[in-house]
Amino acid sequence: MTMRRDVNGEHPIRRFFAEALHDSMRVQLGLRHEDVEEYLCDLLMHFLHDDDIYGIRDASGRRIDSVVDMVVEGDVRLNADSFGREREVHKHIGDFLLFWSGVFPEFLKQIRSPAGKDALLDPIGQGRLSYYVASTFDYGDYAHEAPVLRKLSGEFEAYMVGLSLMRAQFQGLQVRGWVDGFDA
């Protein structure tokens, strides 16, 4: 088992994400939602590790890989044992689909493989819906995040484009050699 290094707020990759997201969202797209920029920066940091990308587990502790199975896991009428679990899973589905759609859209072909469970998945529609469901939990500990999730639901495609612009900046750094040897 490998140990994770702590990647705190001062880590160069976090600073890069924050600056690139700001440039992509605010400067290039005109989206002036600092709270969403911060949320997306946290999301990118969280998803540096694939065990977090695939962080939803079933009751037996098995990793859930397909979005269809995540939806089932997050439905309180089916597998979710609480409304909190429903919110957690739908928030994760929104994050998962926004991440893949914006940062690695080429991976969507693999997710939507004709032989897979997600063959008929509409990543944008499901991402919007899942963020919307999570945003309806707007009380208690969830109140501060609900407006951000509502914005992500309402402007999913715009934030997807912003993430793709951020990726292009990162790829530009790779070409110049800045990323060589980086170890998260």
C-alpha atoms as a PDB file:
ATOM      1  CA  MET A   1       0.000   0.000   0.000  1.00  0.00           C
ATOM      2  CA  THR A   2       1.348   3.435  -0.898  1.00  0.00           C
ATOM      3  CA  MET A   3       1.045   6.365   1.429  1.00  0.00           C
ATOM      4  CA  ARG A   4      -0.442   9.595   0.198  1.00  0.00           C
ATOM      5  CA  ARG A   5       1.453  12.792   0.574  1.00  0.00           C
ATOM      6  CA  ASP A   6      -0.529  15.653   1.991  1.00  0.00           C
ATOM      7  CA  VAL A   7      -1.235  18.154  -0.755  1.00  0.00           C
ATOM      8  CA  ASN A   8      -2.155  21.277   1.165  1.00  0.00           C
ATOM      9  CA  GLY A   9      -3.183  24.763   0.100  1.00  0.00           C
ATOM     10  CA  GLU A  10       0.411  25.795  -0.536  1.00  0.00           C
ATOM     11  CA  HIS A  11       1.294  22.883  -2.807  1.00  0.00           C
ATOM     12  CA  PRO A  12       2.268  24.004  -6.339  1.00  0.00           C
ATOM     13  CA  ILE A  13      -0.392  21.837  -8.009  1.00  0.00           C
ATOM     14  CA  ARG A  14      -3.131  23.395  -5.857  1.00  0.00           C
ATOM     15  CA  ARG A  15      -1.909  26.886  -6.710  1.00  0.00           C
ATOM     16  CA  PHE A  16      -1.810  25.920 -10.378  1.00  0.00           C
ATOM     17  CA  PHE A  17      -5.380  24.573 -10.270  1.00  0.00           C
ATOM     18  CA  ALA A  18      -6.633  27.700  -8.490  1.00  0.00           C
ATOM     19  CA  GLU A  19      -4.956  30.079 -10.949  1.00  0.00           C
ATOM     20  CA  ALA A  20      -5.856  28.060 -14.049  1.00  0.00           C
ATOM     21  CA  LEU A  21      -9.474  27.688 -12.930  1.00  0.00           C
ATOM     22  CA  HIS A  22      -9.701  31.407 -12.230  1.00  0.00           C
ATOM     23  CA  ASP A  23      -8.298  32.212 -15.663  1.00  0.00           C
ATOM     24  CA  SER A  24     -10.515  29.671 -17.420  1.00  0.00           C
ATOM     25  CA  MET A  25     -13.719  30.483 -15.583  1.00  0.00           C
ATOM     26  CA  ARG A  26     -13.551  34.203 -14.964  1.00  0.00           C
ATOM     27  CA  VAL A  27     -11.238  35.600 -17.619  1.00  0.00           C
ATOM     28  CA  GLN A  28     -12.011  33.347 -20.583  1.00  0.00           C
ATOM     29  CA  LEU A  29     -15.662  32.440 -19.912  1.00  0.00           C
ATOM     30  CA  GLY A  30     -16.893  35.356 -17.809  1.00  0.00           C
ATOM     31  CA  LEU A  31     -18.176  33.095 -15.020  1.00  0.00           C
ATOM     32  CA  ARG A  32     -17.848  35.089 -11.836  1.00  0.00           C
ATOM     33  CA  HIS A  33     -18.491  32.453  -9.185  1.00  0.00           C
ATOM     34  CA  GLU A  34     -15.562  32.367  -6.792  1.00  0.00           C
ATOM     35  CA  ASP A  35     -17.353  29.757  -4.679  1.00  0.00           C
ATOM     36  CA  VAL A  36     -17.560  27.417  -7.678  1.00  0.00           C
ATOM     37  CA  GLU A  37     -13.888  28.002  -8.536  1.00  0.00           C
ATOM     38  CA  GLU A  38     -12.953  27.027  -4.990  1.00  0.00           C
ATOM     39  CA  TYR A  39     -15.228  23.972  -5.116  1.00  0.00           C
ATOM     40  CA  LEU A  40     -13.713  22.832  -8.426  1.00  0.00           C
ATOM     41  CA  CYS A  41     -10.180  23.330  -7.116  1.00  0.00           C
ATOM     42  CA  ASP A  42     -11.047  21.135  -4.120  1.00  0.00           C
ATOM     43  CA  LEU A  43     -12.593  18.588  -6.492  1.00  0.00           C
ATOM     44  CA  LEU A  44      -9.453  18.411  -8.620  1.00  0.00           C
ATOM     45  CA  MET A  45      -7.290  17.988  -5.539  1.00  0.00           C
ATOM     46  CA  HIS A  46      -9.603  15.277  -4.226  1.00  0.00           C
ATOM     47  CA  PHE A  47      -9.554  13.448  -7.559  1.00  0.00           C
ATOM     48  CA  LEU A  48      -5.756  13.354  -7.754  1.00  0.00           C
ATOM     49  CA  HIS A  49      -6.155   9.802  -6.472  1.00  0.00           C
ATOM     50  CA  ASP A  50      -8.268   7.295  -8.384  1.00  0.00           C
ATOM     51  CA  ASP A  51      -9.579   5.746  -5.172  1.00  0.00           C
ATOM     52  CA  ASP A  52     -11.365   9.071  -4.632  1.00  0.00           C
ATOM     53  CA  ILE A  53     -12.625   9.250  -8.218  1.00  0.00           C
ATOM     54  CA  TYR A  54     -14.234   5.881  -7.595  1.00  0.00           C
ATOM     55  CA  GLY A  55     -15.038   6.630  -3.970  1.00  0.00           C
ATOM     56  CA  ILE A  56     -18.584   5.280  -3.876  1.00  0.00           C
ATOM     57  CA  ARG A  57     -18.790   1.834  -2.323  1.00  0.00           C
ATOM     58  CA  ASP A  58     -21.766  -0.470  -1.917  1.00  0.00           C
ATOM     59  CA  ALA A  59     -22.936  -1.926   1.414  1.00  0.00           C
ATOM     60  CA  SER A  60     -20.338  -4.704   1.085  1.00  0.00           C
ATOM     61  CA  GLY A  61     -17.532  -2.193   0.578  1.00  0.00           C
ATOM     62  CA  ARG A  62     -17.052  -2.960  -3.108  1.00  0.00           C
ATOM     63  CA  ARG A  63     -16.113  -0.084  -5.394  1.00  0.00           C
ATOM     64  CA  ILE A  64     -18.893   1.014  -7.740  1.00  0.00           C
ATOM     65  CA  ASP A  65     -17.538   1.734 -11.215  1.00  0.00           C
ATOM     66  CA  SER A  66     -20.611   2.431 -13.344  1.00  0.00           C
ATOM     67  CA  VAL A  67     -22.755   5.542 -13.135  1.00  0.00           C
ATOM     68  CA  VAL A  68     -25.896   3.403 -13.442  1.00  0.00           C
ATOM     69  CA  ASP A  69     -24.881   1.490 -10.308  1.00  0.00           C
ATOM     70  CA  MET A  70     -24.037   4.767  -8.550  1.00  0.00           C
ATOM     71  CA  VAL A  71     -27.537   6.059  -9.307  1.00  0.00           C
ATOM     72  CA  VAL A  72     -29.044   2.890  -7.827  1.00  0.00           C
ATOM     73  CA  GLU A  73     -26.756   3.211  -4.793  1.00  0.00           C
ATOM     74  CA  GLY A  74     -27.863   6.823  -4.323  1.00  0.00           C
ATOM     75  CA  ASP A  75     -31.603   6.210  -4.553  1.00  0.00           C
ATOM     76  CA  VAL A  76     -33.231   6.095  -1.125  1.00  0.00           C
ATOM     77  CA  ARG A  77     -36.000   3.928  -2.586  1.00  0.00           C
ATOM     78  CA  LEU A  78     -33.434   1.328  -3.651  1.00  0.00           C
ATOM     79  CA  ASN A  79     -30.046   1.152  -1.901  1.00  0.00           C
ATOM     80  CA  ALA A  80     -29.385   4.402  -0.041  1.00  0.00           C
ATOM     81  CA  ASP A  81     -30.004   3.899   3.654  1.00  0.00           C
ATOM     82  CA  SER A  82     -30.591   7.609   4.318  1.00  0.00           C
ATOM     83  CA  PHE A  83     -31.236  10.893   2.588  1.00  0.00           C
ATOM     84  CA  GLY A  84     -27.695  11.915   3.563  1.00  0.00           C
ATOM     85  CA  ARG A  85     -26.392   8.955   1.578  1.00  0.00           C
ATOM     86  CA  GLU A  86     -28.587   9.955  -1.357  1.00  0.00           C
ATOM     87  CA  ARG A  87     -27.073  13.432  -1.310  1.00  0.00           C
ATOM     88  CA  GLU A  88     -23.512  12.114  -0.950  1.00  0.00           C
ATOM     89  CA  VAL A  89     -23.843   9.765  -3.912  1.00  0.00           C
ATOM     90  CA  HIS A  90     -25.558  12.304  -6.178  1.00  0.00           C
ATOM     91  CA  LYS A  91     -22.944  14.931  -5.362  1.00  0.00           C
ATOM     92  CA  HIS A  92     -20.266  12.383  -6.235  1.00  0.00           C
ATOM     93  CA  ILE A  93     -21.998  11.478  -9.518  1.00  0.00           C
ATOM     94  CA  GLY A  94     -22.097  15.166 -10.479  1.00  0.00           C
ATOM     95  CA  ASP A  95     -18.409  15.543  -9.564  1.00  0.00           C
ATOM     96  CA  PHE A  96     -17.473  12.327 -11.362  1.00  0.00           C
ATOM     97  CA  LEU A  97     -19.240  13.280 -14.585  1.00  0.00           C
ATOM     98  CA  LEU A  98     -18.075  16.901 -14.560  1.00  0.00           C
ATOM     99  CA  PHE A  99     -14.491  15.773 -13.993  1.00  0.00           C
ATOM    100  CA  TRP A 100     -14.501  13.245 -16.829  1.00  0.00           C
ATOM    101  CA  SER A 101     -16.514  15.483 -19.190  1.00  0.00           C
ATOM    102  CA  GLY A 102     -14.304  18.509 -18.632  1.00  0.00           C
ATOM    103  CA  VAL A 103     -10.827  17.200 -17.870  1.00  0.00           C
ATOM    104  CA  PHE A 104     -10.728  13.881 -19.751  1.00  0.00           C
ATOM    105  CA  PRO A 105     -13.634  13.807 -22.227  1.00  0.00           C
ATOM    106  CA  GLU A 106     -11.899  11.067 -24.200  1.00  0.00           C
ATOM    107  CA  PHE A 107     -12.531   8.750 -21.228  1.00  0.00           C
ATOM    108  CA  LEU A 108     -16.290   9.102 -21.726  1.00  0.00           C
ATOM    109  CA  LYS A 109     -15.998   6.711 -24.666  1.00  0.00           C
ATOM    110  CA  GLN A 110     -14.717   4.062 -22.273  1.00  0.00           C
ATOM    111  CA  ILE A 111     -17.432   4.817 -19.715  1.00  0.00           C
ATOM    112  CA  ARG A 112     -20.098   4.613 -22.419  1.00  0.00           C
ATOM    113  CA  SER A 113     -18.738   1.441 -24.000  1.00  0.00           C
ATOM    114  CA  PRO A 114     -21.487  -0.404 -25.920  1.00  0.00           C
ATOM    115  CA  ALA A 115     -20.869  -3.482 -23.784  1.00  0.00           C
ATOM    116  CA  GLY A 116     -21.031  -1.592 -20.488  1.00  0.00           C
ATOM    117  CA  LYS A 117     -23.817  -0.600 -18.128  1.00  0.00           C
ATOM    118  CA  ASP A 118     -23.393   3.083 -18.999  1.00  0.00           C
ATOM    119  CA  ALA A 119     -23.788   2.625 -22.775  1.00  0.00           C
ATOM    120  CA  LEU A 120     -26.869   4.867 -22.855  1.00  0.00           C
ATOM    121  CA  LEU A 121     -25.588   7.376 -20.304  1.00  0.00           C
ATOM    122  CA  ASP A 122     -26.082  11.071 -21.018  1.00  0.00           C
ATOM    123  CA  PRO A 123     -23.153  12.449 -18.973  1.00  0.00           C
ATOM    124  CA  ILE A 124     -24.306  16.070 -19.134  1.00  0.00           C
ATOM    125  CA  GLY A 125     -27.947  15.312 -18.349  1.00  0.00           C
ATOM    126  CA  GLN A 126     -27.080  12.954 -15.488  1.00  0.00           C
ATOM    127  CA  GLY A 127     -24.435  15.337 -14.140  1.00  0.00           C
ATOM    128  CA  ARG A 128     -26.944  18.212 -14.118  1.00  0.00           C
ATOM    129  CA  LEU A 129     -29.613  16.038 -12.488  1.00  0.00           C
ATOM    130  CA  SER A 130     -27.307  14.649  -9.817  1.00  0.00           C
ATOM    131  CA  TYR A 131     -26.010  18.101  -8.880  1.00  0.00           C
ATOM    132  CA  TYR A 132     -29.611  19.310  -8.745  1.00  0.00           C
ATOM    133  CA  VAL A 133     -30.662  16.451  -6.445  1.00  0.00           C
ATOM    134  CA  ALA A 134     -27.693  17.147  -4.148  1.00  0.00           C
ATOM    135  CA  SER A 135     -28.481  20.884  -4.176  1.00  0.00           C
ATOM    136  CA  THR A 136     -31.971  20.284  -2.787  1.00  0.00           C
ATOM    137  CA  PHE A 137     -30.334  19.368   0.527  1.00  0.00           C
ATOM    138  CA  ASP A 138     -30.062  22.992   1.559  1.00  0.00           C
ATOM    139  CA  TYR A 139     -30.259  22.773   5.334  1.00  0.00           C
ATOM    140  CA  GLY A 140     -27.934  22.148   8.265  1.00  0.00           C
ATOM    141  CA  ASP A 141     -24.422  21.072   7.311  1.00  0.00           C
ATOM    142  CA  TYR A 142     -25.386  21.032   3.622  1.00  0.00           C
ATOM    143  CA  ALA A 143     -26.657  24.624   3.411  1.00  0.00           C
ATOM    144  CA  HIS A 144     -23.316  26.209   2.507  1.00  0.00           C
ATOM    145  CA  GLU A 145     -22.716  23.879  -0.460  1.00  0.00           C
ATOM    146  CA  ALA A 146     -26.245  23.827  -1.900  1.00  0.00           C
ATOM    147  CA  PRO A 147     -25.900  27.119  -3.868  1.00  0.00           C
ATOM    148  CA  VAL A 148     -22.652  25.908  -5.455  1.00  0.00           C
ATOM    149  CA  LEU A 149     -24.227  22.608  -6.475  1.00  0.00           C
ATOM    150  CA  ARG A 150     -27.205  24.513  -7.910  1.00  0.00           C
ATOM    151  CA  LYS A 151     -24.826  26.626 -10.041  1.00  0.00           C
ATOM    152  CA  LEU A 152     -23.009  23.492 -11.211  1.00  0.00           C
ATOM    153  CA  SER A 153     -26.341  21.938 -12.173  1.00  0.00           C
ATOM    154  CA  GLY A 154     -27.570  25.027 -13.989  1.00  0.00           C
ATOM    155  CA  GLU A 155     -24.343  25.712 -15.886  1.00  0.00           C
ATOM    156  CA  PHE A 156     -22.856  22.222 -16.150  1.00  0.00           C
ATOM    157  CA  GLU A 157     -21.720  22.678 -19.759  1.00  0.00           C
ATOM    158  CA  ALA A 158     -20.021  26.010 -19.052  1.00  0.00           C
ATOM    159  CA  TYR A 159     -18.064  24.547 -16.139  1.00  0.00           C
ATOM    160  CA  MET A 160     -17.222  21.558 -18.305  1.00  0.00           C
ATOM    161  CA  VAL A 161     -15.703  23.929 -20.883  1.00  0.00           C
ATOM    162  CA  GLY A 162     -13.867  25.790 -18.105  1.00  0.00           C
ATOM    163  CA  LEU A 163     -12.288  22.543 -16.926  1.00  0.00           C
ATOM    164  CA  SER A 164     -11.249  21.697 -20.487  1.00  0.00           C
ATOM    165  CA  LEU A 165      -9.602  25.122 -20.799  1.00  0.00           C
ATOM    166  CA  MET A 166      -7.790  24.470 -17.528  1.00  0.00           C
ATOM    167  CA  ARG A 167      -6.574  21.122 -18.904  1.00  0.00           C
ATOM    168  CA  ALA A 168      -5.235  22.882 -21.996  1.00  0.00           C
ATOM    169  CA  GLN A 169      -3.197  25.174 -19.737  1.00  0.00           C
ATOM    170  CA  PHE A 170      -1.836  22.146 -17.884  1.00  0.00           C
ATOM    171  CA  GLN A 171      -0.905  20.449 -21.148  1.00  0.00           C
ATOM    172  CA  GLY A 172       0.910  23.614 -22.189  1.00  0.00           C
ATOM    173  CA  LEU A 173       3.000  23.363 -19.031  1.00  0.00           C
ATOM    174  CA  GLN A 174       3.789  19.725 -19.760  1.00  0.00           C
ATOM    175  CA  VAL A 175       5.062  20.641 -23.199  1.00  0.00           C
ATOM    176  CA  ARG A 176       7.370  23.237 -21.633  1.00  0.00           C
ATOM    177  CA  GLY A 177       8.634  20.679 -19.093  1.00  0.00           C
ATOM    178  CA  TRP A 178       7.201  22.253 -15.929  1.00  0.00           C
ATOM    179  CA  VAL A 179       5.362  19.095 -14.879  1.00  0.00           C
ATOM    180  CA  ASP A 180       8.265  16.678 -15.410  1.00  0.00           C
ATOM    181  CA  GLY A 181       9.082  14.983 -12.144  1.00  0.00           C
ATOM    182  CA  PHE A 182       6.023  16.307 -10.313  1.00  0.00           C
ATOM    183  CA  ASP A 183       4.965  13.864  -7.623  1.00  0.00           C
ATOM    184  CA  ALA A 184       1.583  14.350  -5.970  1.00  0.00           C
END
